[in-house]
N, C-alpha and C. Protein backbone atom coordinates (compact mmCIF):
# COMPACT_ATOMS: atom_id res chain seq x y z
N UNK A 1 0.36 21.56 10.89
CA UNK A 1 1.36 22.90 10.70
C UNK A 1 2.08 23.36 11.48
N UNK A 2 3.56 23.43 11.10
CA UNK A 2 4.36 23.77 12.25
C UNK A 2 4.49 25.58 12.17
N UNK A 3 4.51 26.06 13.66
CA UNK A 3 4.30 27.14 13.56
C UNK A 3 5.77 27.94 14.14
N UNK A 4 6.13 28.87 13.05
CA UNK A 4 7.20 29.38 13.44
C UNK A 4 7.11 31.02 13.47
N UNK A 5 8.02 31.44 14.20
CA UNK A 5 8.14 33.11 14.83
C UNK A 5 8.83 33.70 14.05
N UNK A 6 8.78 35.15 13.86
CA UNK A 6 9.71 36.01 13.38
C UNK A 6 9.90 36.98 14.58
N UNK A 7 11.25 37.40 14.75
CA UNK A 7 11.45 37.85 16.15
C UNK A 7 11.31 39.63 15.53
N UNK A 8 10.10 40.22 16.48
CA UNK A 8 9.99 41.47 16.24
C UNK A 8 10.53 42.46 16.80
N UNK A 9 10.59 43.90 16.17
CA UNK A 9 11.33 45.01 17.06
C UNK A 9 10.21 46.28 16.97
N UNK A 10 10.33 46.80 18.09
CA UNK A 10 9.41 48.10 18.33
C UNK A 10 9.76 49.26 17.42
N UNK A 11 8.74 50.17 17.07
CA UNK A 11 9.03 50.95 16.22
C UNK A 11 10.08 52.04 16.93
N UNK A 12 10.91 52.91 16.16
CA UNK A 12 11.57 54.16 16.46
C UNK A 12 13.10 53.49 17.65
N UNK A 13 13.20 52.04 17.11
CA UNK A 13 14.46 51.60 18.04
C UNK A 13 14.08 51.60 19.29
N UNK A 14 12.73 51.69 19.85
CA UNK A 14 12.46 51.69 21.30
C UNK A 14 12.69 50.06 21.62
N UNK A 15 12.64 50.08 23.00
CA UNK A 15 12.57 48.90 23.75
C UNK A 15 11.89 48.54 24.87
N UNK A 16 10.92 49.54 24.95
CA UNK A 16 9.92 49.18 26.24
C UNK A 16 8.72 49.62 25.82
N UNK A 17 7.35 48.49 25.85
CA UNK A 17 6.26 48.60 25.34
C UNK A 17 4.85 48.53 26.49
N UNK A 18 3.89 49.16 26.56
CA UNK A 18 2.85 49.27 27.35
C UNK A 18 1.75 48.68 26.42
N UNK A 19 1.42 47.46 26.61
CA UNK A 19 0.39 46.62 26.11
C UNK A 19 -0.95 46.42 26.67
N UNK A 20 -1.94 47.65 26.06
CA UNK A 20 -3.38 47.26 26.67
C UNK A 20 -3.84 45.88 25.92
N UNK A 21 -4.48 45.51 27.44
CA UNK A 21 -4.98 43.85 26.78
C UNK A 21 -6.34 44.15 27.51
N UNK A 22 -7.20 43.65 26.49
CA UNK A 22 -8.71 43.23 26.52
C UNK A 22 -8.96 41.84 27.28
N UNK A 23 -8.23 40.90 27.05
CA UNK A 23 -8.80 39.72 27.69
C UNK A 23 -7.54 38.59 27.73
N UNK A 24 -7.53 37.44 28.16
CA UNK A 24 -6.48 36.60 28.12
C UNK A 24 -6.22 35.85 26.58
N UNK A 25 -7.82 35.73 26.23
CA UNK A 25 -7.52 34.73 24.78
C UNK A 25 -6.86 35.85 23.66
N UNK A 26 -7.20 37.14 23.59
CA UNK A 26 -6.83 37.76 22.60
C UNK A 26 -4.94 38.25 22.83
N UNK A 27 -4.88 38.43 24.32
CA UNK A 27 -3.51 38.95 24.55
C UNK A 27 -2.43 37.52 24.55
N UNK A 28 -2.66 36.64 24.59
CA UNK A 28 -2.20 35.11 24.87
C UNK A 28 -1.07 35.37 23.79
N UNK A 29 -1.30 35.28 22.70
CA UNK A 29 -0.50 35.19 21.41
C UNK A 29 0.54 36.46 21.34
N UNK A 30 -0.20 37.69 21.67
CA UNK A 30 0.48 38.81 21.43
C UNK A 30 1.79 38.61 22.55
N UNK A 31 1.38 38.18 23.97
CA UNK A 31 2.62 38.50 24.98
C UNK A 31 3.61 37.08 24.53
N UNK A 32 2.97 36.08 23.75
CA UNK A 32 4.11 34.92 23.68
C UNK A 32 4.93 35.71 22.49
N UNK A 33 4.54 36.52 21.61
CA UNK A 33 5.45 37.17 20.46
C UNK A 33 6.42 37.92 21.29
N UNK A 34 5.74 38.92 22.18
CA UNK A 34 6.75 39.71 22.67
C UNK A 34 7.82 38.87 23.51
N UNK A 35 7.65 37.90 24.34
CA UNK A 35 8.52 37.55 25.04
C UNK A 35 9.61 36.76 24.19
N UNK A 36 9.03 36.22 22.82
CA UNK A 36 10.08 35.62 22.07
C UNK A 36 11.10 36.68 21.75
N UNK A 37 10.48 37.77 21.27
CA UNK A 37 11.15 38.99 20.80
C UNK A 37 12.03 39.53 21.96
N UNK A 38 12.05 38.97 23.17
CA UNK A 38 12.75 39.74 24.08
C UNK A 38 12.52 41.40 24.08
N UNK A 39 11.07 41.64 24.08
CA UNK A 39 10.80 43.15 24.49
C UNK A 39 10.03 43.14 25.75
N UNK A 40 10.62 44.14 26.33
CA UNK A 40 10.29 44.71 27.61
C UNK A 40 9.04 45.18 27.78
N UNK A 41 8.28 44.42 28.13
CA UNK A 41 6.56 45.10 28.23
C UNK A 41 5.72 44.81 29.70
N UNK A 42 4.63 45.78 29.53
CA UNK A 42 3.64 45.58 30.73
C UNK A 42 2.66 45.42 30.14
N UNK A 43 1.66 44.78 30.84
CA UNK A 43 0.24 44.65 30.48
C UNK A 43 -0.51 45.78 31.33
N UNK A 44 -1.46 46.54 30.16
CA UNK A 44 -2.37 47.47 31.22
C UNK A 44 -3.66 47.06 30.66
N UNK A 45 -4.77 46.81 31.95
CA UNK A 45 -5.99 46.62 32.06
C UNK A 45 -6.87 47.42 32.34
N UNK A 46 -7.36 48.20 31.09
CA UNK A 46 -8.27 49.14 31.43
C UNK A 46 -9.75 48.97 30.65
N UNK A 47 -10.61 48.21 31.03
CA UNK A 47 -11.72 48.01 29.97
C UNK A 47 -13.08 48.09 31.25
N UNK A 48 -13.33 49.34 31.21
CA UNK A 48 -14.72 49.67 31.66
C UNK A 48 -15.71 49.47 30.89
N UNK A 49 -15.75 49.20 29.71
CA UNK A 49 -16.74 48.75 28.94
C UNK A 49 -17.43 47.41 29.49
N UNK A 50 -16.57 46.55 29.94
CA UNK A 50 -16.87 44.77 30.24
C UNK A 50 -18.04 44.80 31.16
N UNK A 51 -19.09 44.25 30.80
CA UNK A 51 -20.36 44.23 31.80
C UNK A 51 -21.03 42.65 31.82
N UNK A 52 -21.45 42.39 32.83
CA UNK A 52 -21.43 42.90 34.29
C UNK A 52 -20.41 42.69 34.88
N UNK A 53 -19.96 42.78 36.37
CA UNK A 53 -18.96 43.10 36.71
C UNK A 53 -18.37 41.40 36.78
N UNK A 54 -19.38 40.56 36.96
CA UNK A 54 -18.78 39.14 36.91
C UNK A 54 -17.94 39.08 36.02
N UNK A 55 -18.30 39.02 34.56
CA UNK A 55 -17.95 38.73 33.63
C UNK A 55 -16.60 39.65 33.36
N UNK A 56 -16.42 41.02 34.21
CA UNK A 56 -15.08 41.70 34.07
C UNK A 56 -14.22 41.10 34.85
N UNK A 57 -14.69 40.70 36.10
CA UNK A 57 -13.75 39.86 36.88
C UNK A 57 -13.27 38.58 36.59
N UNK A 58 -13.84 38.00 35.50
CA UNK A 58 -13.57 36.67 35.19
C UNK A 58 -12.21 36.66 33.84
N UNK A 59 -12.68 38.15 33.08
CA UNK A 59 -11.61 38.22 32.17
C UNK A 59 -10.59 38.55 32.69
N UNK A 60 -10.47 39.67 33.77
CA UNK A 60 -9.14 40.21 34.59
C UNK A 60 -8.59 39.26 34.89
N UNK A 61 -9.03 38.09 35.69
CA UNK A 61 -8.40 37.05 36.43
C UNK A 61 -7.59 36.42 35.40
N UNK A 62 -8.32 35.83 34.52
CA UNK A 62 -7.47 35.10 33.51
C UNK A 62 -6.20 35.98 32.96
N UNK A 63 -6.53 36.93 32.62
CA UNK A 63 -5.32 37.58 32.29
C UNK A 63 -4.18 37.89 33.14
N UNK A 64 -4.64 38.18 34.39
CA UNK A 64 -3.48 38.06 35.31
C UNK A 64 -3.02 36.85 35.72
N UNK A 65 -3.44 35.75 35.66
CA UNK A 65 -2.84 34.61 35.75
C UNK A 65 -1.73 33.95 34.54
N UNK A 66 -2.07 34.47 33.55
CA UNK A 66 -1.31 34.17 32.27
C UNK A 66 0.01 35.12 32.22
N UNK A 67 -0.32 36.20 32.93
CA UNK A 67 1.04 37.18 33.06
C UNK A 67 1.73 36.77 34.21
N UNK A 68 1.29 36.30 35.33
CA UNK A 68 2.06 35.89 36.34
C UNK A 68 2.87 34.72 36.01
N UNK A 69 2.26 33.56 34.95
CA UNK A 69 2.92 32.99 34.63
C UNK A 69 4.07 33.03 34.32
N UNK A 70 4.40 34.01 33.38
CA UNK A 70 5.49 34.86 32.80
C UNK A 70 5.95 35.79 33.38
N UNK A 71 5.84 35.98 34.58
CA UNK A 71 6.45 37.23 35.00
C UNK A 71 6.54 38.56 34.29
N UNK A 72 4.93 38.73 33.83
CA UNK A 72 5.06 40.21 33.12
C UNK A 72 4.26 41.02 34.26
N UNK A 73 4.64 42.18 34.01
CA UNK A 73 4.27 43.39 35.14
C UNK A 73 2.56 43.31 34.78
N UNK A 74 1.60 43.26 35.51
CA UNK A 74 0.32 43.51 35.42
C UNK A 74 -0.39 44.94 36.12
N UNK A 75 -0.84 45.72 35.18
CA UNK A 75 -1.14 47.25 35.92
C UNK A 75 -2.67 46.86 35.67
N UNK A 76 -3.37 47.30 36.74
CA UNK A 76 -4.68 47.05 36.78
C UNK A 76 -5.40 48.17 37.34
N UNK A 77 -5.97 48.95 36.01
CA UNK A 77 -6.67 50.16 36.27
C UNK A 77 -8.08 50.42 36.63
N UNK A 78 -8.38 51.23 37.00
CA UNK A 78 -9.70 51.44 37.49
C UNK A 78 -10.78 51.00 36.50
N UNK A 79 -12.01 50.12 37.32
CA UNK A 79 -13.32 49.99 36.64
C UNK A 79 -14.28 51.22 36.71
N UNK A 80 -14.07 52.20 35.86
CA UNK A 80 -15.04 53.30 35.95
C UNK A 80 -16.32 53.02 34.74
N UNK A 81 -16.90 52.29 35.08
CA UNK A 81 -18.13 51.75 34.06
C UNK A 81 -18.96 52.90 34.08
N UNK A 82 -19.22 53.62 34.98
CA UNK A 82 -20.22 54.91 34.85
C UNK A 82 -19.85 55.73 33.85
N UNK A 83 -18.59 56.03 34.04
CA UNK A 83 -18.10 56.84 33.00
C UNK A 83 -18.14 56.33 31.50
N UNK A 84 -18.22 54.91 31.59
CA UNK A 84 -18.05 54.13 30.04
C UNK A 84 -19.74 54.63 29.64
N UNK A 85 -20.70 54.46 30.53
CA UNK A 85 -22.18 54.35 30.23
C UNK A 85 -22.48 55.93 29.82
N UNK A 86 -21.79 56.80 30.73
CA UNK A 86 -22.01 57.99 30.68
C UNK A 86 -21.76 58.47 28.89
N UNK A 87 -20.46 58.21 28.44
CA UNK A 87 -20.00 58.45 26.99
C UNK A 87 -20.83 57.51 26.21
N UNK A 88 -21.49 56.48 26.37
CA UNK A 88 -22.36 55.76 25.71
C UNK A 88 -23.84 56.26 25.15
N UNK A 89 -24.10 57.22 26.00
CA UNK A 89 -25.49 57.66 25.86
C UNK A 89 -25.71 58.12 24.65
N UNK A 90 -26.81 57.80 23.95
CA UNK A 90 -27.35 58.16 22.69
C UNK A 90 -26.65 57.19 21.76
N UNK A 91 -25.81 56.05 22.14
CA UNK A 91 -25.07 55.36 21.19
C UNK A 91 -25.83 54.00 21.39
N UNK A 92 -26.70 53.64 22.35
CA UNK A 92 -27.13 52.36 22.66
C UNK A 92 -27.36 51.31 21.78
N UNK A 93 -27.84 51.70 20.58
CA UNK A 93 -28.60 50.79 19.27
C UNK A 93 -27.49 51.04 18.36
N UNK A 94 -26.28 51.56 18.51
CA UNK A 94 -25.24 51.53 17.30
C UNK A 94 -25.24 50.02 17.32
N UNK A 95 -24.38 49.67 15.71
CA UNK A 95 -24.25 48.35 15.69
C UNK A 95 -22.77 48.31 16.02
N UNK A 96 -22.37 46.97 16.15
CA UNK A 96 -20.89 46.58 16.50
C UNK A 96 -19.96 47.14 15.11
N UNK A 97 -19.18 47.46 15.61
CA UNK A 97 -17.98 48.10 14.54
C UNK A 97 -18.57 49.55 14.30
N UNK A 98 -19.33 50.33 15.20
CA UNK A 98 -19.91 51.63 14.75
C UNK A 98 -19.45 52.53 15.44
N UNK A 99 -19.88 53.64 15.99
CA UNK A 99 -19.45 54.85 16.61
C UNK A 99 -19.37 54.45 18.07
N UNK A 100 -20.00 53.67 18.63
CA UNK A 100 -20.18 53.21 19.92
C UNK A 100 -19.11 52.52 20.19
N UNK A 101 -18.42 51.86 19.23
CA UNK A 101 -17.03 50.86 19.38
C UNK A 101 -15.87 51.97 19.33
N UNK A 102 -16.14 53.01 18.50
CA UNK A 102 -14.92 53.99 18.09
C UNK A 102 -14.99 54.57 19.45
N UNK A 103 -15.86 55.12 20.39
CA UNK A 103 -15.51 55.72 21.68
C UNK A 103 -15.21 54.83 22.67
N UNK A 104 -15.33 53.50 22.54
CA UNK A 104 -14.81 52.78 23.13
C UNK A 104 -13.37 52.59 23.17
N UNK A 105 -13.12 52.31 22.02
CA UNK A 105 -11.61 52.42 22.06
C UNK A 105 -10.97 53.57 22.17
N UNK A 106 -11.63 54.77 21.83
CA UNK A 106 -10.69 56.24 22.16
C UNK A 106 -10.77 56.17 23.84
N UNK A 107 -11.98 55.63 24.33
CA UNK A 107 -11.87 55.90 26.05
C UNK A 107 -10.79 54.84 26.68
N UNK A 108 -10.56 53.90 26.02
CA UNK A 108 -9.34 52.80 26.81
C UNK A 108 -7.88 53.14 26.28
N UNK A 109 -7.95 53.57 25.07
CA UNK A 109 -6.65 54.34 24.59
C UNK A 109 -6.21 55.60 25.08
N UNK A 110 -7.27 56.38 25.42
CA UNK A 110 -6.83 57.80 25.86
C UNK A 110 -6.00 57.33 27.49
N UNK A 111 -6.63 56.66 27.97
CA UNK A 111 -6.31 56.13 29.43
C UNK A 111 -4.75 55.55 29.22
N UNK A 112 -4.84 54.33 28.43
CA UNK A 112 -3.63 53.59 27.96
C UNK A 112 -2.15 54.65 27.61
N UNK A 113 -2.63 55.87 26.84
CA UNK A 113 -1.65 56.67 26.22
C UNK A 113 -1.48 57.85 27.43
N UNK A 114 -2.06 57.79 28.44
CA UNK A 114 -1.68 58.84 29.41
C UNK A 114 -0.83 57.93 30.70
N UNK A 115 -1.09 56.73 30.76
CA UNK A 115 -0.49 55.99 31.54
C UNK A 115 0.96 55.90 30.99
N UNK A 116 1.12 55.63 29.56
CA UNK A 116 2.59 55.38 29.06
C UNK A 116 3.12 56.64 29.13
N UNK A 117 2.65 57.57 29.05
CA UNK A 117 3.50 58.97 29.23
C UNK A 117 3.94 59.38 30.30
N UNK A 118 3.15 59.12 31.40
CA UNK A 118 3.38 59.38 32.78
C UNK A 118 4.43 58.12 33.46
N UNK A 119 4.57 57.05 32.83
CA UNK A 119 5.57 55.99 33.14
C UNK A 119 6.51 55.87 32.61
N UNK A 120 6.93 56.43 31.59
CA UNK A 120 8.27 56.30 30.48
C UNK A 120 8.14 55.40 29.69
N UNK A 121 6.95 55.02 29.27
CA UNK A 121 6.68 54.28 27.92
C UNK A 121 6.63 54.88 26.77
N UNK A 122 7.39 54.86 25.68
CA UNK A 122 7.55 55.57 24.41
C UNK A 122 6.52 54.80 23.63
N UNK A 123 6.18 53.71 23.53
CA UNK A 123 5.08 53.12 22.77
C UNK A 123 4.12 52.13 23.33
N UNK A 124 2.98 52.16 22.88
CA UNK A 124 1.99 51.28 23.22
C UNK A 124 1.20 50.84 22.29
N UNK A 125 0.74 49.53 22.64
CA UNK A 125 -0.39 48.86 21.72
C UNK A 125 -1.51 48.45 22.35
N UNK A 126 -1.93 47.23 21.66
CA UNK A 126 -3.31 46.92 22.25
C UNK A 126 -3.49 45.34 21.50
N UNK A 127 -3.57 44.33 22.10
CA UNK A 127 -4.56 43.09 22.05
C UNK A 127 -5.61 43.19 20.92
N UNK A 128 -6.35 44.14 20.95
CA UNK A 128 -7.64 43.95 20.51
C UNK A 128 -7.75 43.76 19.05
N UNK A 129 -6.38 44.25 18.44
CA UNK A 129 -6.50 43.99 16.79
C UNK A 129 -6.65 42.82 16.46
N UNK A 130 -6.42 41.54 17.52
CA UNK A 130 -6.06 40.33 16.85
C UNK A 130 -7.26 39.45 16.57
N UNK A 131 -8.31 40.41 17.04
CA UNK A 131 -9.72 39.46 16.95
C UNK A 131 -10.06 39.92 15.36
N UNK A 132 -10.74 38.78 14.84
CA UNK A 132 -11.16 38.82 13.50
C UNK A 132 -12.58 39.61 13.63
N UNK A 133 -13.12 39.52 14.74
CA UNK A 133 -14.49 40.27 14.85
C UNK A 133 -14.20 41.84 15.12
N UNK A 134 -12.89 42.20 15.37
CA UNK A 134 -12.71 43.47 15.38
C UNK A 134 -12.36 44.28 14.05
N UNK A 135 -12.53 45.78 13.86
CA UNK A 135 -11.72 46.39 12.75
C UNK A 135 -10.70 46.79 12.89
N UNK A 136 -9.59 45.97 12.63
CA UNK A 136 -8.29 46.81 12.81
C UNK A 136 -7.86 48.19 12.68
N UNK A 137 -8.64 48.64 11.62
CA UNK A 137 -8.33 50.14 10.99
C UNK A 137 -8.96 51.07 12.16
N UNK A 138 -10.18 50.57 12.61
CA UNK A 138 -10.72 51.26 13.59
C UNK A 138 -10.13 51.41 14.62
N UNK A 139 -9.34 50.40 15.13
CA UNK A 139 -8.69 50.21 16.23
C UNK A 139 -7.17 51.14 15.98
N UNK A 140 -6.49 50.74 15.18
CA UNK A 140 -5.30 51.88 15.03
C UNK A 140 -5.72 53.31 15.00
N UNK A 141 -6.78 53.49 14.31
CA UNK A 141 -7.12 55.06 14.18
C UNK A 141 -7.18 55.68 15.54
N UNK A 142 -7.92 54.72 16.29
CA UNK A 142 -8.39 55.09 17.67
C UNK A 142 -6.71 55.36 18.71
N UNK A 143 -6.12 54.12 18.58
CA UNK A 143 -4.64 54.28 19.06
C UNK A 143 -3.47 55.43 18.42
N UNK A 144 -3.65 55.82 17.42
CA UNK A 144 -2.90 56.77 16.67
C UNK A 144 -3.37 58.14 17.54
N UNK A 145 -4.67 58.28 17.53
CA UNK A 145 -5.08 59.70 18.20
C UNK A 145 -4.97 59.85 19.47
N UNK A 146 -5.03 58.58 20.17
CA UNK A 146 -4.39 58.80 21.54
C UNK A 146 -3.24 59.06 21.77
N UNK A 147 -2.32 58.40 21.14
CA UNK A 147 -0.76 58.51 21.16
C UNK A 147 -0.47 59.93 20.44
N UNK A 148 -1.08 60.69 19.45
CA UNK A 148 -0.81 62.23 19.01
C UNK A 148 -1.10 63.26 20.38
N UNK A 149 -1.64 62.92 21.44
CA UNK A 149 -1.73 64.02 22.47
C UNK A 149 -0.52 64.19 23.21
N UNK A 150 0.58 63.28 23.03
CA UNK A 150 1.64 63.12 23.84
C UNK A 150 2.74 63.05 23.08
N UNK A 151 3.81 64.17 23.61
CA UNK A 151 5.16 64.02 22.70
C UNK A 151 6.10 63.02 22.62
N UNK A 152 6.68 62.21 21.73
CA UNK A 152 7.60 61.12 21.48
C UNK A 152 6.70 59.86 22.08
N UNK A 153 5.48 59.93 21.87
CA UNK A 153 4.53 58.73 22.26
C UNK A 153 4.00 57.91 20.70
N UNK A 154 4.02 56.58 20.43
CA UNK A 154 4.04 56.05 19.54
C UNK A 154 2.92 55.08 19.76
N UNK A 155 1.81 54.99 18.95
CA UNK A 155 0.79 53.55 18.83
C UNK A 155 1.54 52.71 17.85
N UNK A 156 1.87 51.56 18.29
CA UNK A 156 2.13 50.32 17.37
C UNK A 156 1.18 49.93 16.71
N UNK A 157 1.02 50.06 15.48
CA UNK A 157 -0.09 49.23 14.74
C UNK A 157 0.07 47.85 13.94
N UNK A 158 1.17 47.08 14.92
CA UNK A 158 1.64 45.98 14.29
C UNK A 158 0.38 44.83 14.11
N UNK A 159 0.27 44.44 12.89
CA UNK A 159 -0.86 43.45 12.60
C UNK A 159 -0.71 42.27 13.15
N UNK A 160 -1.42 41.72 14.39
CA UNK A 160 -0.99 40.53 15.23
C UNK A 160 -1.84 39.56 14.61
N UNK A 161 -2.55 39.48 13.43
CA UNK A 161 -3.39 38.58 12.83
C UNK A 161 -2.46 37.55 12.15
N UNK A 162 -1.29 38.41 11.36
CA UNK A 162 -0.55 37.81 10.06
C UNK A 162 0.36 36.78 10.66
N UNK A 163 1.00 35.80 9.58
CA UNK A 163 1.85 34.81 10.15
C UNK A 163 1.18 33.79 10.91
N UNK A 164 -0.37 33.48 10.97
CA UNK A 164 -1.10 32.76 11.86
C UNK A 164 -1.06 33.29 13.03
N UNK A 165 -1.24 34.54 13.41
CA UNK A 165 -1.27 34.76 14.76
C UNK A 165 -2.52 34.51 15.34
N UNK A 166 -3.50 34.87 14.56
CA UNK A 166 -5.04 34.39 15.04
C UNK A 166 -5.19 32.80 15.34
N UNK A 167 -4.79 31.97 14.62
CA UNK A 167 -4.80 30.42 14.68
C UNK A 167 -3.96 30.07 16.21
N UNK A 168 -2.57 30.78 16.23
CA UNK A 168 -1.89 30.67 17.40
C UNK A 168 -2.68 31.20 18.73
N UNK A 169 -3.53 31.97 18.69
CA UNK A 169 -4.05 32.95 19.70
C UNK A 169 -5.16 31.29 20.36
N UNK A 170 -5.95 30.91 19.16
CA UNK A 170 -6.67 30.11 19.63
C UNK A 170 -5.97 28.41 20.21
N UNK A 171 -4.69 28.12 19.63
CA UNK A 171 -3.74 27.32 20.27
C UNK A 171 -3.78 27.63 21.73
N UNK A 172 -3.12 28.63 21.92
CA UNK A 172 -2.94 29.27 23.36
C UNK A 172 -4.16 29.13 24.14
N UNK A 173 -5.14 29.47 23.75
CA UNK A 173 -6.26 29.81 24.74
C UNK A 173 -6.79 28.35 25.08
N UNK A 174 -6.64 27.42 23.84
CA UNK A 174 -6.90 25.73 24.27
C UNK A 174 -5.86 25.31 25.38
N UNK A 175 -4.76 25.62 25.27
CA UNK A 175 -3.64 24.99 25.79
C UNK A 175 -3.65 25.30 27.55
N UNK A 176 -4.02 26.82 27.54
CA UNK A 176 -4.43 27.10 28.80
C UNK A 176 -5.49 26.99 29.56
N UNK A 177 -6.60 26.76 28.63
CA UNK A 177 -7.59 26.39 28.90
C UNK A 177 -8.49 27.84 29.50
N UNK A 178 -8.32 28.84 28.54
CA UNK A 178 -8.74 29.97 29.46
C UNK A 178 -10.49 30.21 29.22
N UNK A 179 -11.11 31.21 30.30
CA UNK A 179 -12.27 31.24 30.10
C UNK A 179 -13.00 31.92 28.71
N UNK A 180 -13.76 31.37 28.15
CA UNK A 180 -14.04 31.78 26.62
C UNK A 180 -15.50 32.68 26.43
N UNK A 181 -14.96 34.04 26.70
CA UNK A 181 -16.04 34.77 26.52
C UNK A 181 -16.95 34.77 25.31
N UNK A 182 -18.43 35.10 25.02
CA UNK A 182 -19.13 34.95 24.23
C UNK A 182 -19.70 35.97 23.61
N UNK A 183 -18.97 37.01 24.01
CA UNK A 183 -19.67 38.39 23.66
C UNK A 183 -18.60 39.49 23.55
N UNK A 184 -18.57 40.67 22.57
CA UNK A 184 -17.63 41.61 22.88
C UNK A 184 -17.16 41.99 24.21
N UNK A 185 -18.27 42.23 25.35
CA UNK A 185 -17.61 43.01 26.29
C UNK A 185 -18.76 44.00 26.88
N UNK A 186 -19.39 44.78 26.17
CA UNK A 186 -20.29 45.84 26.85
C UNK A 186 -21.77 45.07 27.11
N UNK A 187 -22.48 45.89 27.77
CA UNK A 187 -24.14 45.61 28.09
C UNK A 187 -24.52 45.40 26.77
N UNK A 188 -24.50 46.41 25.69
CA UNK A 188 -25.55 46.35 24.33
C UNK A 188 -24.75 45.09 23.47
N UNK A 189 -23.46 44.78 23.48
CA UNK A 189 -23.08 43.62 23.10
C UNK A 189 -23.67 42.23 23.38
N UNK A 190 -24.06 42.20 25.06
CA UNK A 190 -24.44 41.13 25.34
C UNK A 190 -25.89 40.99 25.04
N UNK A 191 -26.61 42.23 25.15
CA UNK A 191 -28.32 42.43 24.73
C UNK A 191 -28.26 41.49 23.02
N UNK A 192 -27.48 42.15 22.52
CA UNK A 192 -27.66 42.05 20.74
C UNK A 192 -27.14 40.53 20.50
N UNK A 193 -26.24 39.87 21.22
CA UNK A 193 -25.82 38.59 21.07
C UNK A 193 -27.02 37.69 21.70
N UNK A 194 -27.75 38.10 22.76
CA UNK A 194 -28.61 37.45 23.32
C UNK A 194 -29.81 37.19 22.83
N UNK A 195 -30.16 38.24 21.96
CA UNK A 195 -31.39 38.87 21.10
C UNK A 195 -31.14 37.77 19.68
N UNK A 196 -29.90 37.76 19.10
CA UNK A 196 -29.71 37.05 18.15
C UNK A 196 -29.85 35.57 18.51
N UNK A 197 -29.16 34.97 19.36
CA UNK A 197 -29.42 33.85 19.91
C UNK A 197 -31.04 33.23 20.21
N UNK A 198 -31.71 33.87 20.55
CA UNK A 198 -33.40 33.73 20.85
C UNK A 198 -33.79 33.65 19.42
N UNK A 199 -33.57 34.17 18.48
CA UNK A 199 -33.94 34.22 17.23
C UNK A 199 -33.53 32.86 16.41
N UNK A 200 -32.41 32.60 16.74
CA UNK A 200 -31.77 31.31 16.19
C UNK A 200 -32.52 29.78 17.24
N UNK A 201 -33.19 30.48 18.32
CA UNK A 201 -33.64 28.74 19.07
C UNK A 201 -32.43 28.63 20.05
N UNK A 202 -31.72 29.41 20.35
CA UNK A 202 -30.33 29.18 21.00
C UNK A 202 -30.53 29.88 22.36
N UNK A 203 -30.37 28.79 23.24
CA UNK A 203 -29.85 29.31 24.38
C UNK A 203 -29.02 30.95 24.86
N UNK A 204 -29.53 31.71 26.12
CA UNK A 204 -28.84 32.93 26.35
C UNK A 204 -27.47 32.59 27.03
N UNK A 205 -26.52 33.37 26.75
CA UNK A 205 -25.24 33.18 27.63
C UNK A 205 -25.19 33.30 28.97
N UNK A 206 -24.63 32.04 29.39
CA UNK A 206 -24.16 31.83 30.68
C UNK A 206 -22.72 32.23 31.18
N UNK A 207 -22.60 33.36 32.03
CA UNK A 207 -21.27 33.46 32.35
C UNK A 207 -20.53 32.62 33.41
N UNK A 208 -19.19 32.78 33.03
CA UNK A 208 -18.34 31.68 33.89
C UNK A 208 -18.56 30.36 33.66
N UNK A 209 -19.33 29.86 32.63
CA UNK A 209 -19.68 28.26 32.26
C UNK A 209 -18.69 27.80 31.08
N UNK A 210 -18.30 28.85 30.00
CA UNK A 210 -17.51 27.99 28.91
C UNK A 210 -16.29 28.48 28.76
N UNK A 211 -15.39 27.36 28.84
CA UNK A 211 -13.70 27.66 28.92
C UNK A 211 -13.16 26.64 27.51
N UNK A 212 -12.13 27.46 27.07
CA UNK A 212 -11.80 26.75 26.21
C UNK A 212 -10.95 25.26 26.72
N UNK A 213 -11.15 23.89 25.98
CA UNK A 213 -10.86 22.90 26.32
C UNK A 213 -9.26 22.47 25.58
N UNK A 214 -8.16 21.88 26.01
CA UNK A 214 -6.88 21.66 25.53
C UNK A 214 -7.19 20.23 24.72
N UNK A 215 -8.20 19.66 24.54
CA UNK A 215 -8.26 18.35 23.75
C UNK A 215 -9.24 18.83 22.59
N UNK A 216 -9.74 19.65 22.27
CA UNK A 216 -10.62 20.39 21.38
C UNK A 216 -9.82 20.75 20.15
N UNK A 217 -9.99 20.09 19.26
CA UNK A 217 -9.27 20.42 17.75
C UNK A 217 -9.29 21.90 17.32
N UNK A 218 -8.03 22.38 17.01
CA UNK A 218 -7.89 23.74 16.74
C UNK A 218 -8.37 23.83 15.18
N UNK A 219 -9.55 24.82 14.87
CA UNK A 219 -10.20 25.03 13.44
C UNK A 219 -9.49 25.98 12.67
């Protein structure tokens, strides 16, 4: 199938975007679309939920590698994991897409919105919504809440999955041979994923081992 692109435009006739990125696989297609659309953007990497530190560094370095390849500014925010764990208290056993995830999105987008406001970005968005494992409405609600705290700041709710965006995300990941994370990111996601794997007689996750392969078939 031939992949065709539509040129995108930012809301409110703006021309500068701060893109919160969770990882290289999710942001690869988003970045490619923005570059094609000639939109001026910077990557904002703020993901204190990612655990442990080894996994955090792997995801961040892959994202930096792809950004540098395309000469995209990369803003490396703090890894304040202690703050994240403090906010997550009492939510340790919540399911994926539950209130713990809402807290997590809120935390990351609050920092993204603050940076956008302080550095002249009137629009910000996130690559999180391209993943089929995420609730797009939950993500957009968090983004809109964060933007509402600042005058003239908009959260762009564009659906990155449409027009085969999710398929293109996998194609780019295989072409670039990105590190392939096997759980959402937080300690509780890792715990629950390994628990499920054990119930299916599968081996637990080994960090830093699995990568997308360019020769693999795209499904």
